[in-house]
PDB file of N, CA and C in Angstrom:
ATOM      1  N   MET A   1       0.890  -0.955  -0.089  1.00  0.00           N
ATOM      2  CA  MET A   1       0.090   0.141  -0.126  1.00  0.00           C
ATOM      3  C   MET A   1       0.959   1.181   0.069  1.00  0.00           C
ATOM      4  N   ASP A   2       0.367   2.335  -0.733  1.00  0.00           N
ATOM      5  CA  ASP A   2       1.227   3.538  -0.576  1.00  0.00           C
ATOM      6  C   ASP A   2       0.987   4.076   0.851  1.00  0.00           C
ATOM      7  N   GLU A   3       1.972   5.107   1.249  1.00  0.00           N
ATOM      8  CA  GLU A   3       2.053   5.704   2.650  1.00  0.00           C
ATOM      9  C   GLU A   3       1.528   6.945   2.300  1.00  0.00           C
ATOM     10  N   MET A   4       0.799   7.035   3.592  1.00  0.00           N
ATOM     11  CA  MET A   4       0.017   8.608   3.427  1.00  0.00           C
ATOM     12  C   MET A   4       1.144   9.611   3.640  1.00  0.00           C
ATOM     13  N   ASN A   5       0.938  10.674   2.900  1.00  0.00           N
ATOM     14  CA  ASN A   5       1.741  11.789   2.939  1.00  0.00           C
ATOM     15  C   ASN A   5       1.415  12.828   4.056  1.00  0.00           C
ATOM     16  N   ASN A   6       1.948  12.801   4.856  1.00  0.00           N
ATOM     17  CA  ASN A   6       1.710  13.467   6.416  1.00  0.00           C
ATOM     18  C   ASN A   6       2.236  14.803   6.624  1.00  0.00           C
ATOM     19  N   THR A   7       2.506  15.817   5.165  1.00  0.00           N
ATOM     20  CA  THR A   7       2.523  16.998   5.345  1.00  0.00           C
ATOM     21  C   THR A   7       1.563  17.755   5.539  1.00  0.00           C
ATOM     22  N   PHE A   8       1.808  18.950   5.952  1.00  0.00           N
ATOM     23  CA  PHE A   8       0.675  19.942   6.390  1.00  0.00           C
ATOM     24  C   PHE A   8       0.695  21.101   5.553  1.00  0.00           C
ATOM     25  N   HIS A   9      -0.348  21.524   5.156  1.00  0.00           N
ATOM     26  CA  HIS A   9      -0.856  22.715   4.284  1.00  0.00           C
ATOM     27  C   HIS A   9      -1.212  23.649   4.652  1.00  0.00           C
ATOM     28  N   HIS A  10      -0.388  24.778   5.077  1.00  0.00           N
ATOM     29  CA  HIS A  10      -1.021  26.131   5.410  1.00  0.00           C
ATOM     30  C   HIS A  10      -1.246  27.011   4.684  1.00  0.00           C
ATOM     31  N   ARG A  11      -1.770  27.872   4.945  1.00  0.00           N
ATOM     32  CA  ARG A  11      -2.257  28.982   4.005  1.00  0.00           C
ATOM     33  C   ARG A  11      -1.186  29.680   3.453  1.00  0.00           C
ATOM     34  N   LYS A  12      -0.425  30.205   4.319  1.00  0.00           N
ATOM     35  CA  LYS A  12       0.687  31.018   3.689  1.00  0.00           C
ATOM     36  C   LYS A  12       2.089  30.135   3.507  1.00  0.00           C
ATOM     37  N   THR A  13       2.461  30.277   2.499  1.00  0.00           N
ATOM     38  CA  THR A  13       3.804  29.505   2.349  1.00  0.00           C
ATOM     39  C   THR A  13       4.936  30.574   1.907  1.00  0.00           C
ATOM     40  N   ASP A  14       6.239  30.122   1.640  1.00  0.00           N
ATOM     41  CA  ASP A  14       7.096  31.163   1.069  1.00  0.00           C
ATOM     42  C   ASP A  14       6.970  31.183  -0.277  1.00  0.00           C
ATOM     43  N   GLU A  15       6.205  29.918  -0.938  1.00  0.00           N
ATOM     44  CA  GLU A  15       6.477  30.061  -2.357  1.00  0.00           C
ATOM     45  C   GLU A  15       5.145  30.774  -2.766  1.00  0.00           C
ATOM     46  N   GLN A  16       4.388  31.234  -2.025  1.00  0.00           N
ATOM     47  CA  GLN A  16       3.364  32.193  -2.426  1.00  0.00           C
ATOM     48  C   GLN A  16       3.471  33.550  -2.470  1.00  0.00           C
ATOM     49  N   PRO A  17       2.947  34.584  -3.614  1.00  0.00           N
ATOM     50  CA  PRO A  17       3.856  35.753  -3.532  1.00  0.00           C
ATOM     51  C   PRO A  17       2.771  36.394  -2.669  1.00  0.00           C
ATOM     52  N   THR A  18       3.452  37.423  -2.015  1.00  0.00           N
ATOM     53  CA  THR A  18       2.817  38.313  -1.010  1.00  0.00           C
ATOM     54  C   THR A  18       1.580  39.310  -1.860  1.00  0.00           C
ATOM     55  N   ASP A  19       0.701  39.564  -1.059  1.00  0.00           N
ATOM     56  CA  ASP A  19      -0.516  40.495  -1.747  1.00  0.00           C
ATOM     57  C   ASP A  19      -0.027  41.902  -1.916  1.00  0.00           C
ATOM     58  N   LYS A  20       0.007  42.440  -3.303  1.00  0.00           N
ATOM     59  CA  LYS A  20       0.555  43.430  -3.709  1.00  0.00           C
ATOM     60  C   LYS A  20      -0.438  44.784  -3.216  1.00  0.00           C
ATOM     61  N   LEU A  21      -1.690  44.450  -2.951  1.00  0.00           N
ATOM     62  CA  LEU A  21      -2.931  45.286  -3.098  1.00  0.00           C
ATOM     63  C   LEU A  21      -3.308  45.453  -1.403  1.00  0.00           C
ATOM     64  N   LEU A  22      -2.375  44.887  -0.522  1.00  0.00           N
ATOM     65  CA  LEU A  22      -2.280  44.900   0.829  1.00  0.00           C
ATOM     66  C   LEU A  22      -2.479  46.145   1.280  1.00  0.00           C
ATOM     67  N   PRO A  23      -1.640  47.002   1.268  1.00  0.00           N
ATOM     68  CA  PRO A  23      -1.822  48.440   1.629  1.00  0.00           C
ATOM     69  C   PRO A  23      -3.163  49.265   1.292  1.00  0.00           C
ATOM     70  N   VAL A  24      -3.469  49.037   0.099  1.00  0.00           N
ATOM     71  CA  VAL A  24      -4.566  49.489  -0.427  1.00  0.00           C
ATOM     72  C   VAL A  24      -5.993  49.085   0.343  1.00  0.00           C
ATOM     73  N   ARG A  25      -5.981  47.864   0.406  1.00  0.00           N
ATOM     74  CA  ARG A  25      -7.065  47.419   1.222  1.00  0.00           C
ATOM     75  C   ARG A  25      -7.324  47.821   2.620  1.00  0.00           C
ATOM     76  N   ASN A  26      -6.044  47.707   3.266  1.00  0.00           N
ATOM     77  CA  ASN A  26      -5.977  48.391   4.509  1.00  0.00           C
ATOM     78  C   ASN A  26      -6.350  49.802   4.556  1.00  0.00           C
ATOM     79  N   ILE A  27      -6.146  50.844   3.670  1.00  0.00           N
ATOM     80  CA  ILE A  27      -6.437  52.043   3.725  1.00  0.00           C
ATOM     81  C   ILE A  27      -8.034  52.145   3.291  1.00  0.00           C
ATOM     82  N   LEU A  28      -8.611  50.985   2.740  1.00  0.00           N
ATOM     83  CA  LEU A  28     -10.140  51.183   2.254  1.00  0.00           C
ATOM     84  C   LEU A  28     -10.657  50.526   3.712  1.00  0.00           C
ATOM     85  N   ASN A  29     -10.018  49.915   4.112  1.00  0.00           N
ATOM     86  CA  ASN A  29     -10.613  49.069   5.543  1.00  0.00           C
ATOM     87  C   ASN A  29     -10.779  50.257   6.448  1.00  0.00           C
ATOM     88  N   LEU A  30      -9.678  51.102   6.801  1.00  0.00           N
ATOM     89  CA  LEU A  30      -9.647  52.214   7.683  1.00  0.00           C
ATOM     90  C   LEU A  30     -10.783  53.271   7.163  1.00  0.00           C
ATOM     91  N   ILE A  31     -10.735  53.651   5.991  1.00  0.00           N
ATOM     92  CA  ILE A  31     -11.848  54.514   5.630  1.00  0.00           C
ATOM     93  C   ILE A  31     -13.359  53.949   6.120  1.00  0.00           C
ATOM     94  N   PHE A  32     -13.611  52.500   5.889  1.00  0.00           N
ATOM     95  CA  PHE A  32     -14.884  52.096   6.018  1.00  0.00           C
ATOM     96  C   PHE A  32     -14.955  52.075   7.578  1.00  0.00           C
ATOM     97  N   MET A  33     -14.023  51.738   8.359  1.00  0.00           N
ATOM     98  CA  MET A  33     -14.081  51.726   9.902  1.00  0.00           C
ATOM     99  C   MET A  33     -14.508  53.168  10.365  1.00  0.00           C
ATOM    100  N   ALA A  34     -13.953  54.140  10.087  1.00  0.00           N
ATOM    101  CA  ALA A  34     -14.170  55.312  10.550  1.00  0.00           C
ATOM    102  C   ALA A  34     -15.492  55.737  10.189  1.00  0.00           C
ATOM    103  N   GLY A  35     -15.578  55.669   8.809  1.00  0.00           N
ATOM    104  CA  GLY A  35     -17.224  56.121   8.255  1.00  0.00           C
ATOM    105  C   GLY A  35     -18.109  55.376   9.010  1.00  0.00           C
ATOM    106  N   ALA A  36     -18.036  53.904   9.311  1.00  0.00           N
ATOM    107  CA  ALA A  36     -19.134  53.229  10.186  1.00  0.00           C
ATOM    108  C   ALA A  36     -19.234  53.820  11.131  1.00  0.00           C
ATOM    109  N   ILE A  37     -18.246  54.221  12.117  1.00  0.00           N
ATOM    110  CA  ILE A  37     -18.336  54.701  13.750  1.00  0.00           C
ATOM    111  C   ILE A  37     -18.912  56.244  13.252  1.00  0.00           C
ATOM    112  N   VAL A  38     -18.446  57.142  12.732  1.00  0.00           N
ATOM    113  CA  VAL A  38     -19.324  58.547  12.320  1.00  0.00           C
ATOM    114  C   VAL A  38     -20.668  57.754  12.252  1.00  0.00           C
ATOM    115  N   GLY A  39     -20.942  57.353  11.300  1.00  0.00           N
ATOM    116  CA  GLY A  39     -22.072  56.911  11.008  1.00  0.00           C
ATOM    117  C   GLY A  39     -23.025  56.554  12.043  1.00  0.00           C
ATOM    118  N   VAL A  40     -22.729  55.686  12.661  1.00  0.00           N
ATOM    119  CA  VAL A  40     -23.557  55.131  14.109  1.00  0.00           C
ATOM    120  C   VAL A  40     -23.814  56.212  15.118  1.00  0.00           C
ATOM    121  N   VAL A  41     -22.773  57.133  15.024  1.00  0.00           N
ATOM    122  CA  VAL A  41     -22.469  58.320  16.299  1.00  0.00           C
ATOM    123  C   VAL A  41     -23.586  59.436  15.665  1.00  0.00           C
ATOM    124  N   LEU A  42     -23.498  59.608  14.463  1.00  0.00           N
ATOM    125  CA  LEU A  42     -24.755  60.539  13.613  1.00  0.00           C
ATOM    126  C   LEU A  42     -25.975  60.040  13.770  1.00  0.00           C
ATOM    127  N   TYR A  43     -26.064  58.710  13.536  1.00  0.00           N
ATOM    128  CA  TYR A  43     -27.549  57.907  13.702  1.00  0.00           C
ATOM    129  C   TYR A  43     -28.148  58.280  14.818  1.00  0.00           C
ATOM    130  N   PHE A  44     -27.278  57.865  15.855  1.00  0.00           N
ATOM    131  CA  PHE A  44     -27.790  57.962  17.316  1.00  0.00           C
ATOM    132  C   PHE A  44     -28.132  59.022  18.007  1.00  0.00           C
ATOM    133  N   PHE A  45     -27.465  60.235  17.723  1.00  0.00           N
ATOM    134  CA  PHE A  45     -27.056  61.458  18.225  1.00  0.00           C
ATOM    135  C   PHE A  45     -27.616  62.417  17.310  1.00  0.00           C
ATOM    136  N   THR A  46     -28.132  62.378  16.118  1.00  0.00           N
ATOM    137  CA  THR A  46     -28.324  63.657  15.436  1.00  0.00           C
ATOM    138  C   THR A  46     -29.505  63.025  14.322  1.00  0.00           C
ATOM    139  N   ASN A  47     -29.195  63.495  13.257  1.00  0.00           N
ATOM    140  CA  ASN A  47     -30.270  63.081  12.285  1.00  0.00           C
ATOM    141  C   ASN A  47     -30.216  61.456  11.600  1.00  0.00           C
ATOM    142  N   LYS A  48     -31.069  60.723  12.058  1.00  0.00           N
ATOM    143  CA  LYS A  48     -31.081  59.279  11.656  1.00  0.00           C
ATOM    144  C   LYS A  48     -30.705  59.147   9.785  1.00  0.00           C
ATOM    145  N   THR A  49     -31.519  59.920   9.305  1.00  0.00           N
ATOM    146  CA  THR A  49     -31.031  59.904   7.723  1.00  0.00           C
ATOM    147  C   THR A  49     -29.823  60.239   7.347  1.00  0.00           C
ATOM    148  N   VAL A  50     -29.065  61.033   8.112  1.00  0.00           N
ATOM    149  CA  VAL A  50     -27.563  61.451   7.520  1.00  0.00           C
ATOM    150  C   VAL A  50     -26.922  60.298   8.285  1.00  0.00           C
ATOM    151  N   GLY A  51     -27.162  59.575   9.308  1.00  0.00           N
ATOM    152  CA  GLY A  51     -26.271  58.744   9.711  1.00  0.00           C
ATOM    153  C   GLY A  51     -26.539  57.435   8.650  1.00  0.00           C
ATOM    154  N   THR A  52     -27.578  57.418   8.273  1.00  0.00           N
ATOM    155  CA  THR A  52     -27.934  56.200   7.506  1.00  0.00           C
ATOM    156  C   THR A  52     -26.984  56.467   6.067  1.00  0.00           C
ATOM    157  N   VAL A  53     -27.085  57.522   5.549  1.00  0.00           N
ATOM    158  CA  VAL A  53     -26.250  58.183   4.356  1.00  0.00           C
ATOM    159  C   VAL A  53     -24.739  57.605   4.553  1.00  0.00           C
ATOM    160  N   VAL A  54     -24.371  58.148   5.762  1.00  0.00           N
ATOM    161  CA  VAL A  54     -22.873  57.845   5.926  1.00  0.00           C
ATOM    162  C   VAL A  54     -22.630  56.491   6.282  1.00  0.00           C
ATOM    163  N   ILE A  55     -23.353  55.718   6.854  1.00  0.00           N
ATOM    164  CA  ILE A  55     -23.247  54.221   6.780  1.00  0.00           C
ATOM    165  C   ILE A  55     -22.982  53.377   5.620  1.00  0.00           C
ATOM    166  N   LEU A  56     -23.777  53.823   4.537  1.00  0.00           N
ATOM    167  CA  LEU A  56     -24.149  53.518   3.138  1.00  0.00           C
ATOM    168  C   LEU A  56     -22.605  53.819   2.670  1.00  0.00           C
ATOM    169  N   SER A  57     -22.556  54.691   2.658  1.00  0.00           N
ATOM    170  CA  SER A  57     -21.426  55.590   1.867  1.00  0.00           C
ATOM    171  C   SER A  57     -20.217  54.577   2.361  1.00  0.00           C
ATOM    172  N   ALA A  58     -19.840  54.533   3.619  1.00  0.00           N
ATOM    173  CA  ALA A  58     -18.766  53.805   4.252  1.00  0.00           C
ATOM    174  C   ALA A  58     -18.577  52.202   3.795  1.00  0.00           C
ATOM    175  N   MET A  59     -19.954  51.507   3.252  1.00  0.00           N
ATOM    176  CA  MET A  59     -19.969  50.208   2.488  1.00  0.00           C
ATOM    177  C   MET A  59     -19.632  50.439   1.491  1.00  0.00           C
ATOM    178  N   VAL A  60     -19.609  51.421   0.766  1.00  0.00           N
ATOM    179  CA  VAL A  60     -18.752  51.470  -0.424  1.00  0.00           C
ATOM    180  C   VAL A  60     -17.350  51.119  -0.586  1.00  0.00           C
ATOM    181  N   PHE A  61     -16.763  51.560   0.248  1.00  0.00           N
ATOM    182  CA  PHE A  61     -15.652  51.506   0.618  1.00  0.00           C
ATOM    183  C   PHE A  61     -15.182  49.861   1.067  1.00  0.00           C
ATOM    184  N   LYS A  62     -15.898  49.245   1.729  1.00  0.00           N
ATOM    185  CA  LYS A  62     -15.934  48.133   2.228  1.00  0.00           C
ATOM    186  C   LYS A  62     -15.909  47.071   0.817  1.00  0.00           C
ATOM    187  N   MET A  63     -17.034  47.455  -0.119  1.00  0.00           N
ATOM    188  CA  MET A  63     -17.305  46.479  -1.157  1.00  0.00           C
ATOM    189  C   MET A  63     -16.281  46.599  -2.012  1.00  0.00           C
ATOM    190  N   ALA A  64     -15.421  48.076  -2.342  1.00  0.00           N
ATOM    191  CA  ALA A  64     -14.424  48.119  -3.152  1.00  0.00           C
ATOM    192  C   ALA A  64     -13.196  47.191  -2.541  1.00  0.00           C
ATOM    193  N   GLU A  65     -12.945  47.124  -1.101  1.00  0.00           N
ATOM    194  CA  GLU A  65     -12.161  46.227  -0.725  1.00  0.00           C
ATOM    195  C   GLU A  65     -12.379  44.791  -0.839  1.00  0.00           C
ATOM    196  N   CYS A  66     -13.564  44.488  -0.632  1.00  0.00           N
ATOM    197  CA  CYS A  66     -13.731  43.082  -0.992  1.00  0.00           C
ATOM    198  C   CYS A  66     -13.770  42.882  -2.739  1.00  0.00           C
ATOM    199  N   CYS A  67     -13.846  43.438  -3.368  1.00  0.00           N
ATOM    200  CA  CYS A  67     -13.613  43.148  -4.867  1.00  0.00           C
ATOM    201  C   CYS A  67     -12.168  42.985  -5.019  1.00  0.00           C
ATOM    202  N   LEU A  68     -11.381  43.969  -4.332  1.00  0.00           N
ATOM    203  CA  LEU A  68     -10.308  44.049  -4.602  1.00  0.00           C
ATOM    204  C   LEU A  68      -9.404  42.502  -3.986  1.00  0.00           C
ATOM    205  N   ARG A  69      -9.924  41.937  -2.961  1.00  0.00           N
ATOM    206  CA  ARG A  69      -9.683  40.885  -2.340  1.00  0.00           C
ATOM    207  C   ARG A  69     -10.147  39.723  -3.149  1.00  0.00           C
ATOM    208  N   PHE A  70     -11.204  39.629  -3.630  1.00  0.00           N
ATOM    209  CA  PHE A  70     -11.859  38.369  -4.599  1.00  0.00           C
ATOM    210  C   PHE A  70     -11.369  38.311  -5.841  1.00  0.00           C
ATOM    211  N   PHE A  71     -11.097  39.527  -6.402  1.00  0.00           N
ATOM    212  CA  PHE A  71     -10.471  39.618  -7.933  1.00  0.00           C
ATOM    213  C   PHE A  71      -9.054  39.971  -8.043  1.00  0.00           C
ATOM    214  N   ARG A  72      -8.398  39.425  -7.328  1.00  0.00           N
ATOM    215  CA  ARG A  72      -7.412  40.058  -7.291  1.00  0.00           C
ATOM    216  C   ARG A  72      -6.211  39.520  -8.191  1.00  0.00           C
ATOM    217  N   ARG A  73      -6.502  38.235  -8.785  1.00  0.00           N
ATOM    218  CA  ARG A  73      -6.147  37.634  -9.818  1.00  0.00           C
ATOM    219  C   ARG A  73      -5.971  37.882 -11.099  1.00  0.00           C
TER     220      ARG A  73
END
């Protein structure tokens, strides 16, 4: 019988190239997080409509970051 290969496969290996878009993705995530926090504060302490618009605007940055992550090839 064949012997089982007992090597472990990790997600990150030395052969895999690093993500060149990681700095851009990090900036997009920071913009999203800041926008979400500001939007929640505006939603609860001022006008709910303005807070909702700010949160939805922040989500656009998160969707852009997700697209960069999914379609980076």
